[in-house]
Amino acid sequence: WAGRPAAPRLHGSFSLDLPRGTLR
């Protein structure tokens, strides 16, 4: 959506623990 009026940005940080199957 860059260049469009009031284009929002989304930021995500994740931590994946495979043995426990959890996503922080």
mmCIF file of all heavy atoms, coordinates in Angstrom:
data_MODEL
# 
_entry.id   MODEL 
# 
loop_
_atom_site.group_PDB 
_atom_site.id 
_atom_site.type_symbol 
_atom_site.label_atom_id 
_atom_site.label_alt_id 
_atom_site.label_comp_id 
_atom_site.label_asym_id 
_atom_site.label_entity_id 
_atom_site.label_seq_id 
_atom_site.pdbx_PDB_ins_code 
_atom_site.Cartn_x 
_atom_site.Cartn_y 
_atom_site.Cartn_z 
_atom_site.occupancy 
_atom_site.B_iso_or_equiv 
_atom_site.pdbx_formal_charge 
_atom_site.auth_seq_id 
_atom_site.auth_comp_id 
_atom_site.auth_asym_id 
_atom_site.auth_atom_id 
_atom_site.pdbx_PDB_model_num 
ATOM 1   N N   . TRP A 1 1  ? 0.821  -1.214  0.000  1.00 0.00 ? 1  TRP A N   1 
ATOM 2   C CA  . TRP A 1 1  ? 0.000  0.000   0.000  1.00 0.00 ? 1  TRP A CA  1 
ATOM 3   C C   . TRP A 1 1  ? 0.859  1.270   0.000  1.00 0.00 ? 1  TRP A C   1 
ATOM 4   O O   . TRP A 1 1  ? 0.348  2.378   0.153  1.00 0.00 ? 1  TRP A O   1 
ATOM 5   C CB  . TRP A 1 1  ? -0.916 0.032   1.233  1.00 0.00 ? 1  TRP A CB  1 
ATOM 6   C CG  . TRP A 1 1  ? -1.976 -1.026  1.177  1.00 0.00 ? 1  TRP A CG  1 
ATOM 7   C CD1 . TRP A 1 1  ? -1.878 -2.280  1.662  1.00 0.00 ? 1  TRP A CD1 1 
ATOM 8   C CD2 . TRP A 1 1  ? -3.264 -0.918  0.593  1.00 0.00 ? 1  TRP A CD2 1 
ATOM 9   N NE1 . TRP A 1 1  ? -3.032 -2.980  1.411  1.00 0.00 ? 1  TRP A NE1 1 
ATOM 10  C CE2 . TRP A 1 1  ? -3.915 -2.160  0.760  1.00 0.00 ? 1  TRP A CE2 1 
ATOM 11  C CE3 . TRP A 1 1  ? -3.957 0.115   -0.059 1.00 0.00 ? 1  TRP A CE3 1 
ATOM 12  C CZ2 . TRP A 1 1  ? -5.197 -2.410  0.301  1.00 0.00 ? 1  TRP A CZ2 1 
ATOM 13  C CZ3 . TRP A 1 1  ? -5.248 -0.127  -0.510 1.00 0.00 ? 1  TRP A CZ3 1 
ATOM 14  C CH2 . TRP A 1 1  ? -5.849 -1.383  -0.334 1.00 0.00 ? 1  TRP A CH2 1 
ATOM 15  N N   . ALA A 1 2  ? 2.168  1.125   -0.148 1.00 0.00 ? 2  ALA A N   1 
ATOM 16  C CA  . ALA A 1 2  ? 3.051  2.292   -0.111 1.00 0.00 ? 2  ALA A CA  1 
ATOM 17  C C   . ALA A 1 2  ? 2.627  3.334   -1.139 1.00 0.00 ? 2  ALA A C   1 
ATOM 18  O O   . ALA A 1 2  ? 2.223  3.010   -2.255 1.00 0.00 ? 2  ALA A O   1 
ATOM 19  C CB  . ALA A 1 2  ? 4.495  1.872   -0.380 1.00 0.00 ? 2  ALA A CB  1 
ATOM 20  N N   . GLY A 1 3  ? 2.749  4.605   -0.753 1.00 0.00 ? 3  GLY A N   1 
ATOM 21  C CA  . GLY A 1 3  ? 2.406  5.698   -1.669 1.00 0.00 ? 3  GLY A CA  1 
ATOM 22  C C   . GLY A 1 3  ? 0.944  6.061   -1.658 1.00 0.00 ? 3  GLY A C   1 
ATOM 23  O O   . GLY A 1 3  ? 0.548  7.083   -2.236 1.00 0.00 ? 3  GLY A O   1 
ATOM 24  N N   . ARG A 1 4  ? 0.119  5.266   -1.004 1.00 0.00 ? 4  ARG A N   1 
ATOM 25  C CA  . ARG A 1 4  ? -1.303 5.587   -0.929 1.00 0.00 ? 4  ARG A CA  1 
ATOM 26  C C   . ARG A 1 4  ? -1.551 6.401   0.336  1.00 0.00 ? 4  ARG A C   1 
ATOM 27  O O   . ARG A 1 4  ? -0.807 6.298   1.320  1.00 0.00 ? 4  ARG A O   1 
ATOM 28  C CB  . ARG A 1 4  ? -2.131 4.306   -0.923 1.00 0.00 ? 4  ARG A CB  1 
ATOM 29  C CG  . ARG A 1 4  ? -1.805 3.426   -2.138 1.00 0.00 ? 4  ARG A CG  1 
ATOM 30  C CD  . ARG A 1 4  ? -2.700 2.211   -2.206 1.00 0.00 ? 4  ARG A CD  1 
ATOM 31  N NE  . ARG A 1 4  ? -2.223 1.302   -3.260 1.00 0.00 ? 4  ARG A NE  1 
ATOM 32  C CZ  . ARG A 1 4  ? -2.912 0.257   -3.680 1.00 0.00 ? 4  ARG A CZ  1 
ATOM 33  N NH1 . ARG A 1 4  ? -4.097 -0.017  -3.156 1.00 0.00 ? 4  ARG A NH1 1 
ATOM 34  N NH2 . ARG A 1 4  ? -2.416 -0.517  -4.627 1.00 0.00 ? 4  ARG A NH2 1 
ATOM 35  N N   . PRO A 1 5  ? -2.597 7.167   0.340  1.00 0.00 ? 5  PRO A N   1 
ATOM 36  C CA  . PRO A 1 5  ? -2.863 8.041   1.495  1.00 0.00 ? 5  PRO A CA  1 
ATOM 37  C C   . PRO A 1 5  ? -2.992 7.234   2.786  1.00 0.00 ? 5  PRO A C   1 
ATOM 38  O O   . PRO A 1 5  ? -3.694 6.215   2.829  1.00 0.00 ? 5  PRO A O   1 
ATOM 39  C CB  . PRO A 1 5  ? -4.182 8.726   1.129  1.00 0.00 ? 5  PRO A CB  1 
ATOM 40  C CG  . PRO A 1 5  ? -4.233 8.668   -0.359 1.00 0.00 ? 5  PRO A CG  1 
ATOM 41  C CD  . PRO A 1 5  ? -3.570 7.385   -0.753 1.00 0.00 ? 5  PRO A CD  1 
ATOM 42  N N   . ALA A 1 6  ? -2.326 7.701   3.813  1.00 0.00 ? 6  ALA A N   1 
ATOM 43  C CA  . ALA A 1 6  ? -2.438 7.124   5.162  1.00 0.00 ? 6  ALA A CA  1 
ATOM 44  C C   . ALA A 1 6  ? -2.212 5.618   5.160  1.00 0.00 ? 6  ALA A C   1 
ATOM 45  O O   . ALA A 1 6  ? -2.938 4.867   5.790  1.00 0.00 ? 6  ALA A O   1 
ATOM 46  C CB  . ALA A 1 6  ? -3.808 7.451   5.762  1.00 0.00 ? 6  ALA A CB  1 
ATOM 47  N N   . ALA A 1 7  ? -1.208 5.174   4.413  1.00 0.00 ? 7  ALA A N   1 
ATOM 48  C CA  . ALA A 1 7  ? -0.924 3.740   4.348  1.00 0.00 ? 7  ALA A CA  1 
ATOM 49  C C   . ALA A 1 7  ? -0.398 3.248   5.693  1.00 0.00 ? 7  ALA A C   1 
ATOM 50  O O   . ALA A 1 7  ? 0.655  3.702   6.146  1.00 0.00 ? 7  ALA A O   1 
ATOM 51  C CB  . ALA A 1 7  ? 0.092  3.460   3.254  1.00 0.00 ? 7  ALA A CB  1 
ATOM 52  N N   . PRO A 1 8  ? -1.088 2.330   6.374  1.00 0.00 ? 8  PRO A N   1 
ATOM 53  C CA  . PRO A 1 8  ? -0.595 1.821   7.657  1.00 0.00 ? 8  PRO A CA  1 
ATOM 54  C C   . PRO A 1 8  ? 0.534  0.812   7.432  1.00 0.00 ? 8  PRO A C   1 
ATOM 55  O O   . PRO A 1 8  ? 0.627  0.174   6.389  1.00 0.00 ? 8  PRO A O   1 
ATOM 56  C CB  . PRO A 1 8  ? -1.820 1.142   8.257  1.00 0.00 ? 8  PRO A CB  1 
ATOM 57  C CG  . PRO A 1 8  ? -2.611 0.696   7.068  1.00 0.00 ? 8  PRO A CG  1 
ATOM 58  C CD  . PRO A 1 8  ? -2.379 1.734   6.000  1.00 0.00 ? 8  PRO A CD  1 
ATOM 59  N N   . ARG A 1 9  ? 1.372  0.691   8.437  1.00 0.00 ? 9  ARG A N   1 
ATOM 60  C CA  . ARG A 1 9  ? 2.417  -0.333  8.415  1.00 0.00 ? 9  ARG A CA  1 
ATOM 61  C C   . ARG A 1 9  ? 2.193  -1.291  9.586  1.00 0.00 ? 9  ARG A C   1 
ATOM 62  O O   . ARG A 1 9  ? 1.726  -0.900  10.656 1.00 0.00 ? 9  ARG A O   1 
ATOM 63  C CB  . ARG A 1 9  ? 3.811  0.298   8.510  1.00 0.00 ? 9  ARG A CB  1 
ATOM 64  C CG  . ARG A 1 9  ? 4.272  0.974   7.233  1.00 0.00 ? 9  ARG A CG  1 
ATOM 65  C CD  . ARG A 1 9  ? 5.687  1.523   7.370  1.00 0.00 ? 9  ARG A CD  1 
ATOM 66  N NE  . ARG A 1 9  ? 6.666  0.481   7.648  1.00 0.00 ? 9  ARG A NE  1 
ATOM 67  C CZ  . ARG A 1 9  ? 7.239  -0.281  6.700  1.00 0.00 ? 9  ARG A CZ  1 
ATOM 68  N NH1 . ARG A 1 9  ? 6.918  -0.109  5.426  1.00 0.00 ? 9  ARG A NH1 1 
ATOM 69  N NH2 . ARG A 1 9  ? 8.143  -1.193  7.031  1.00 0.00 ? 9  ARG A NH2 1 
ATOM 70  N N   . LEU A 1 10 ? 2.560  -2.528  9.336  1.00 0.00 ? 10 LEU A N   1 
ATOM 71  C CA  . LEU A 1 10 ? 2.375  -3.587  10.325 1.00 0.00 ? 10 LEU A CA  1 
ATOM 72  C C   . LEU A 1 10 ? 3.755  -4.131  10.690 1.00 0.00 ? 10 LEU A C   1 
ATOM 73  O O   . LEU A 1 10 ? 4.598  -4.375  9.821  1.00 0.00 ? 10 LEU A O   1 
ATOM 74  C CB  . LEU A 1 10 ? 1.509  -4.702  9.732  1.00 0.00 ? 10 LEU A CB  1 
ATOM 75  C CG  . LEU A 1 10 ? 0.999  -5.826  10.625 1.00 0.00 ? 10 LEU A CG  1 
ATOM 76  C CD1 . LEU A 1 10 ? 0.180  -5.287  11.791 1.00 0.00 ? 10 LEU A CD1 1 
ATOM 77  C CD2 . LEU A 1 10 ? 0.143  -6.785  9.797  1.00 0.00 ? 10 LEU A CD2 1 
ATOM 78  N N   . HIS A 1 11 ? 3.994  -4.298  11.988 1.00 0.00 ? 11 HIS A N   1 
ATOM 79  C CA  . HIS A 1 11 ? 5.269  -4.793  12.475 1.00 0.00 ? 11 HIS A CA  1 
ATOM 80  C C   . HIS A 1 11 ? 4.986  -6.002  13.372 1.00 0.00 ? 11 HIS A C   1 
ATOM 81  O O   . HIS A 1 11 ? 4.163  -5.912  14.293 1.00 0.00 ? 11 HIS A O   1 
ATOM 82  C CB  . HIS A 1 11 ? 6.004  -3.730  13.296 1.00 0.00 ? 11 HIS A CB  1 
ATOM 83  C CG  . HIS A 1 11 ? 6.064  -2.388  12.631 1.00 0.00 ? 11 HIS A CG  1 
ATOM 84  N ND1 . HIS A 1 11 ? 7.126  -1.981  11.870 1.00 0.00 ? 11 HIS A ND1 1 
ATOM 85  C CD2 . HIS A 1 11 ? 5.167  -1.363  12.611 1.00 0.00 ? 11 HIS A CD2 1 
ATOM 86  C CE1 . HIS A 1 11 ? 6.906  -0.763  11.407 1.00 0.00 ? 11 HIS A CE1 1 
ATOM 87  N NE2 . HIS A 1 11 ? 5.715  -0.363  11.845 1.00 0.00 ? 11 HIS A NE2 1 
ATOM 88  N N   . GLY A 1 12 ? 5.663  -7.109  13.125 1.00 0.00 ? 12 GLY A N   1 
ATOM 89  C CA  . GLY A 1 12 ? 5.457  -8.300  13.937 1.00 0.00 ? 12 GLY A CA  1 
ATOM 90  C C   . GLY A 1 12 ? 6.761  -8.949  14.338 1.00 0.00 ? 12 GLY A C   1 
ATOM 91  O O   . GLY A 1 12 ? 7.633  -9.175  13.489 1.00 0.00 ? 12 GLY A O   1 
ATOM 92  N N   . SER A 1 13 ? 6.921  -9.239  15.625 1.00 0.00 ? 13 SER A N   1 
ATOM 93  C CA  . SER A 1 13 ? 8.067  -9.983  16.131 1.00 0.00 ? 13 SER A CA  1 
ATOM 94  C C   . SER A 1 13 ? 7.557  -11.304 16.696 1.00 0.00 ? 13 SER A C   1 
ATOM 95  O O   . SER A 1 13 ? 6.555  -11.335 17.423 1.00 0.00 ? 13 SER A O   1 
ATOM 96  C CB  . SER A 1 13 ? 8.792  -9.197  17.223 1.00 0.00 ? 13 SER A CB  1 
ATOM 97  O OG  . SER A 1 13 ? 9.322  -7.993  16.708 1.00 0.00 ? 13 SER A OG  1 
ATOM 98  N N   . PHE A 1 14 ? 8.262  -12.395 16.360 1.00 0.00 ? 14 PHE A N   1 
ATOM 99  C CA  . PHE A 1 14 ? 7.789  -13.722 16.720 1.00 0.00 ? 14 PHE A CA  1 
ATOM 100 C C   . PHE A 1 14 ? 8.924  -14.556 17.313 1.00 0.00 ? 14 PHE A C   1 
ATOM 101 O O   . PHE A 1 14 ? 10.096 -14.374 16.981 1.00 0.00 ? 14 PHE A O   1 
ATOM 102 C CB  . PHE A 1 14 ? 7.237  -14.443 15.487 1.00 0.00 ? 14 PHE A CB  1 
ATOM 103 C CG  . PHE A 1 14 ? 6.080  -13.744 14.840 1.00 0.00 ? 14 PHE A CG  1 
ATOM 104 C CD1 . PHE A 1 14 ? 6.294  -12.787 13.865 1.00 0.00 ? 14 PHE A CD1 1 
ATOM 105 C CD2 . PHE A 1 14 ? 4.788  -14.041 15.219 1.00 0.00 ? 14 PHE A CD2 1 
ATOM 106 C CE1 . PHE A 1 14 ? 5.229  -12.122 13.266 1.00 0.00 ? 14 PHE A CE1 1 
ATOM 107 C CE2 . PHE A 1 14 ? 3.712  -13.390 14.630 1.00 0.00 ? 14 PHE A CE2 1 
ATOM 108 C CZ  . PHE A 1 14 ? 3.936  -12.426 13.663 1.00 0.00 ? 14 PHE A CZ  1 
ATOM 109 N N   . SER A 1 15 ? 8.546  -15.494 18.177 1.00 0.00 ? 15 SER A N   1 
ATOM 110 C CA  . SER A 1 15 ? 9.484  -16.456 18.742 1.00 0.00 ? 15 SER A CA  1 
ATOM 111 C C   . SER A 1 15 ? 8.809  -17.828 18.685 1.00 0.00 ? 15 SER A C   1 
ATOM 112 O O   . SER A 1 15 ? 7.774  -18.043 19.321 1.00 0.00 ? 15 SER A O   1 
ATOM 113 C CB  . SER A 1 15 ? 9.832  -16.090 20.183 1.00 0.00 ? 15 SER A CB  1 
ATOM 114 O OG  . SER A 1 15 ? 10.666 -17.068 20.756 1.00 0.00 ? 15 SER A OG  1 
ATOM 115 N N   . LEU A 1 16 ? 9.395  -18.737 17.903 1.00 0.00 ? 16 LEU A N   1 
ATOM 116 C CA  . LEU A 1 16 ? 8.817  -20.060 17.700 1.00 0.00 ? 16 LEU A CA  1 
ATOM 117 C C   . LEU A 1 16 ? 9.590  -21.095 18.503 1.00 0.00 ? 16 LEU A C   1 
ATOM 118 O O   . LEU A 1 16 ? 10.781 -21.316 18.268 1.00 0.00 ? 16 LEU A O   1 
ATOM 119 C CB  . LEU A 1 16 ? 8.842  -20.421 16.210 1.00 0.00 ? 16 LEU A CB  1 
ATOM 120 C CG  . LEU A 1 16 ? 8.401  -21.840 15.842 1.00 0.00 ? 16 LEU A CG  1 
ATOM 121 C CD1 . LEU A 1 16 ? 6.946  -22.074 16.226 1.00 0.00 ? 16 LEU A CD1 1 
ATOM 122 C CD2 . LEU A 1 16 ? 8.629  -22.102 14.359 1.00 0.00 ? 16 LEU A CD2 1 
ATOM 123 N N   . ASP A 1 17 ? 8.921  -21.723 19.451 1.00 0.00 ? 17 ASP A N   1 
ATOM 124 C CA  . ASP A 1 17 ? 9.495  -22.812 20.235 1.00 0.00 ? 17 ASP A CA  1 
ATOM 125 C C   . ASP A 1 17 ? 8.969  -24.118 19.648 1.00 0.00 ? 17 ASP A C   1 
ATOM 126 O O   . ASP A 1 17 ? 7.828  -24.511 19.898 1.00 0.00 ? 17 ASP A O   1 
ATOM 127 C CB  . ASP A 1 17 ? 9.088  -22.667 21.707 1.00 0.00 ? 17 ASP A CB  1 
ATOM 128 C CG  . ASP A 1 17 ? 9.781  -23.667 22.615 1.00 0.00 ? 17 ASP A CG  1 
ATOM 129 O OD1 . ASP A 1 17 ? 9.988  -24.813 22.182 1.00 0.00 ? 17 ASP A OD1 1 
ATOM 130 O OD2 . ASP A 1 17 ? 10.104 -23.305 23.762 1.00 0.00 ? 17 ASP A OD2 1 
ATOM 131 N N   . LEU A 1 18 ? 9.795  -24.775 18.835 1.00 0.00 ? 18 LEU A N   1 
ATOM 132 C CA  . LEU A 1 18 ? 9.340  -25.980 18.142 1.00 0.00 ? 18 LEU A CA  1 
ATOM 133 C C   . LEU A 1 18 ? 8.937  -27.102 19.097 1.00 0.00 ? 18 LEU A C   1 
ATOM 134 O O   . LEU A 1 18 ? 7.845  -27.655 18.954 1.00 0.00 ? 18 LEU A O   1 
ATOM 135 C CB  . LEU A 1 18 ? 10.420 -26.472 17.176 1.00 0.00 ? 18 LEU A CB  1 
ATOM 136 C CG  . LEU A 1 18 ? 10.367 -25.956 15.746 1.00 0.00 ? 18 LEU A CG  1 
ATOM 137 C CD1 . LEU A 1 18 ? 11.522 -26.534 14.941 1.00 0.00 ? 18 LEU A CD1 1 
ATOM 138 C CD2 . LEU A 1 18 ? 9.050  -26.322 15.087 1.00 0.00 ? 18 LEU A CD2 1 
ATOM 139 N N   . PRO A 1 19 ? 9.774  -27.503 20.064 1.00 0.00 ? 19 PRO A N   1 
ATOM 140 C CA  . PRO A 1 19 ? 9.373  -28.619 20.920 1.00 0.00 ? 19 PRO A CA  1 
ATOM 141 C C   . PRO A 1 19 ? 8.044  -28.397 21.639 1.00 0.00 ? 19 PRO A C   1 
ATOM 142 O O   . PRO A 1 19 ? 7.249  -29.324 21.782 1.00 0.00 ? 19 PRO A O   1 
ATOM 143 C CB  . PRO A 1 19 ? 10.537 -28.735 21.910 1.00 0.00 ? 19 PRO A CB  1 
ATOM 144 C CG  . PRO A 1 19 ? 11.715 -28.225 21.139 1.00 0.00 ? 19 PRO A CG  1 
ATOM 145 C CD  . PRO A 1 19 ? 11.153 -27.085 20.339 1.00 0.00 ? 19 PRO A CD  1 
ATOM 146 N N   . ARG A 1 20 ? 7.809  -27.172 22.072 1.00 0.00 ? 20 ARG A N   1 
ATOM 147 C CA  . ARG A 1 20 ? 6.548  -26.894 22.768 1.00 0.00 ? 20 ARG A CA  1 
ATOM 148 C C   . ARG A 1 20 ? 5.424  -26.525 21.804 1.00 0.00 ? 20 ARG A C   1 
ATOM 149 O O   . ARG A 1 20 ? 4.266  -26.440 22.206 1.00 0.00 ? 20 ARG A O   1 
ATOM 150 C CB  . ARG A 1 20 ? 6.747  -25.780 23.799 1.00 0.00 ? 20 ARG A CB  1 
ATOM 151 C CG  . ARG A 1 20 ? 7.592  -26.208 24.983 1.00 0.00 ? 20 ARG A CG  1 
ATOM 152 C CD  . ARG A 1 20 ? 7.795  -25.081 25.977 1.00 0.00 ? 20 ARG A CD  1 
ATOM 153 N NE  . ARG A 1 20 ? 8.456  -25.548 27.190 1.00 0.00 ? 20 ARG A NE  1 
ATOM 154 C CZ  . ARG A 1 20 ? 9.756  -25.730 27.313 1.00 0.00 ? 20 ARG A CZ  1 
ATOM 155 N NH1 . ARG A 1 20 ? 10.546 -25.458 26.281 1.00 0.00 ? 20 ARG A NH1 1 
ATOM 156 N NH2 . ARG A 1 20 ? 10.284 -26.172 28.436 1.00 0.00 ? 20 ARG A NH2 1 
ATOM 157 N N   . GLY A 1 21 ? 5.751  -26.259 20.568 1.00 0.00 ? 21 GLY A N   1 
ATOM 158 C CA  . GLY A 1 21 ? 4.738  -25.908 19.579 1.00 0.00 ? 21 GLY A CA  1 
ATOM 159 C C   . GLY A 1 21 ? 4.066  -24.590 19.863 1.00 0.00 ? 21 GLY A C   1 
ATOM 160 O O   . GLY A 1 21 ? 2.887  -24.413 19.580 1.00 0.00 ? 21 GLY A O   1 
ATOM 161 N N   . THR A 1 22 ? 4.822  -23.635 20.424 1.00 0.00 ? 22 THR A N   1 
ATOM 162 C CA  . THR A 1 22 ? 4.237  -22.340 20.779 1.00 0.00 ? 22 THR A CA  1 
ATOM 163 C C   . THR A 1 22 ? 4.843  -21.227 19.933 1.00 0.00 ? 22 THR A C   1 
ATOM 164 O O   . THR A 1 22 ? 6.021  -21.262 19.568 1.00 0.00 ? 22 THR A O   1 
ATOM 165 C CB  . THR A 1 22 ? 4.459  -22.014 22.268 1.00 0.00 ? 22 THR A CB  1 
ATOM 166 O OG1 . THR A 1 22 ? 5.858  -22.041 22.563 1.00 0.00 ? 22 THR A OG1 1 
ATOM 167 C CG2 . THR A 1 22 ? 3.727  -23.020 23.145 1.00 0.00 ? 22 THR A CG2 1 
ATOM 168 N N   . LEU A 1 23 ? 4.029  -20.237 19.651 1.00 0.00 ? 23 LEU A N   1 
ATOM 169 C CA  . LEU A 1 23 ? 4.450  -19.065 18.891 1.00 0.00 ? 23 LEU A CA  1 
ATOM 170 C C   . LEU A 1 23 ? 4.139  -17.825 19.716 1.00 0.00 ? 23 LEU A C   1 
ATOM 171 O O   . LEU A 1 23 ? 2.978  -17.471 19.934 1.00 0.00 ? 23 LEU A O   1 
ATOM 172 C CB  . LEU A 1 23 ? 3.720  -19.000 17.544 1.00 0.00 ? 23 LEU A CB  1 
ATOM 173 C CG  . LEU A 1 23 ? 4.102  -17.832 16.628 1.00 0.00 ? 23 LEU A CG  1 
ATOM 174 C CD1 . LEU A 1 23 ? 5.545  -17.990 16.143 1.00 0.00 ? 23 LEU A CD1 1 
ATOM 175 C CD2 . LEU A 1 23 ? 3.141  -17.739 15.446 1.00 0.00 ? 23 LEU A CD2 1 
ATOM 176 N N   . ARG A 1 24 ? 5.197  -17.162 20.186 1.00 0.00 ? 24 ARG A N   1 
ATOM 177 C CA  . ARG A 1 24 ? 5.054  -15.911 20.929 1.00 0.00 ? 24 ARG A CA  1 
ATOM 178 C C   . ARG A 1 24 ? 5.055  -14.763 19.930 1.00 0.00 ? 24 ARG A C   1 
ATOM 179 O O   . ARG A 1 24 ? 5.872  -14.733 19.007 1.00 0.00 ? 24 ARG A O   1 
ATOM 180 C CB  . ARG A 1 24 ? 6.223  -15.759 21.902 1.00 0.00 ? 24 ARG A CB  1 
ATOM 181 C CG  . ARG A 1 24 ? 6.286  -14.442 22.651 1.00 0.00 ? 24 ARG A CG  1 
ATOM 182 C CD  . ARG A 1 24 ? 5.273  -14.355 23.746 1.00 0.00 ? 24 ARG A CD  1 
ATOM 183 N NE  . ARG A 1 24 ? 5.349  -13.075 24.438 1.00 0.00 ? 24 ARG A NE  1 
ATOM 184 C CZ  . ARG A 1 24 ? 4.405  -12.626 25.242 1.00 0.00 ? 24 ARG A CZ  1 
ATOM 185 N NH1 . ARG A 1 24 ? 3.320  -13.359 25.459 1.00 0.00 ? 24 ARG A NH1 1 
ATOM 186 N NH2 . ARG A 1 24 ? 4.527  -11.465 25.840 1.00 0.00 ? 24 ARG A NH2 1 
# 
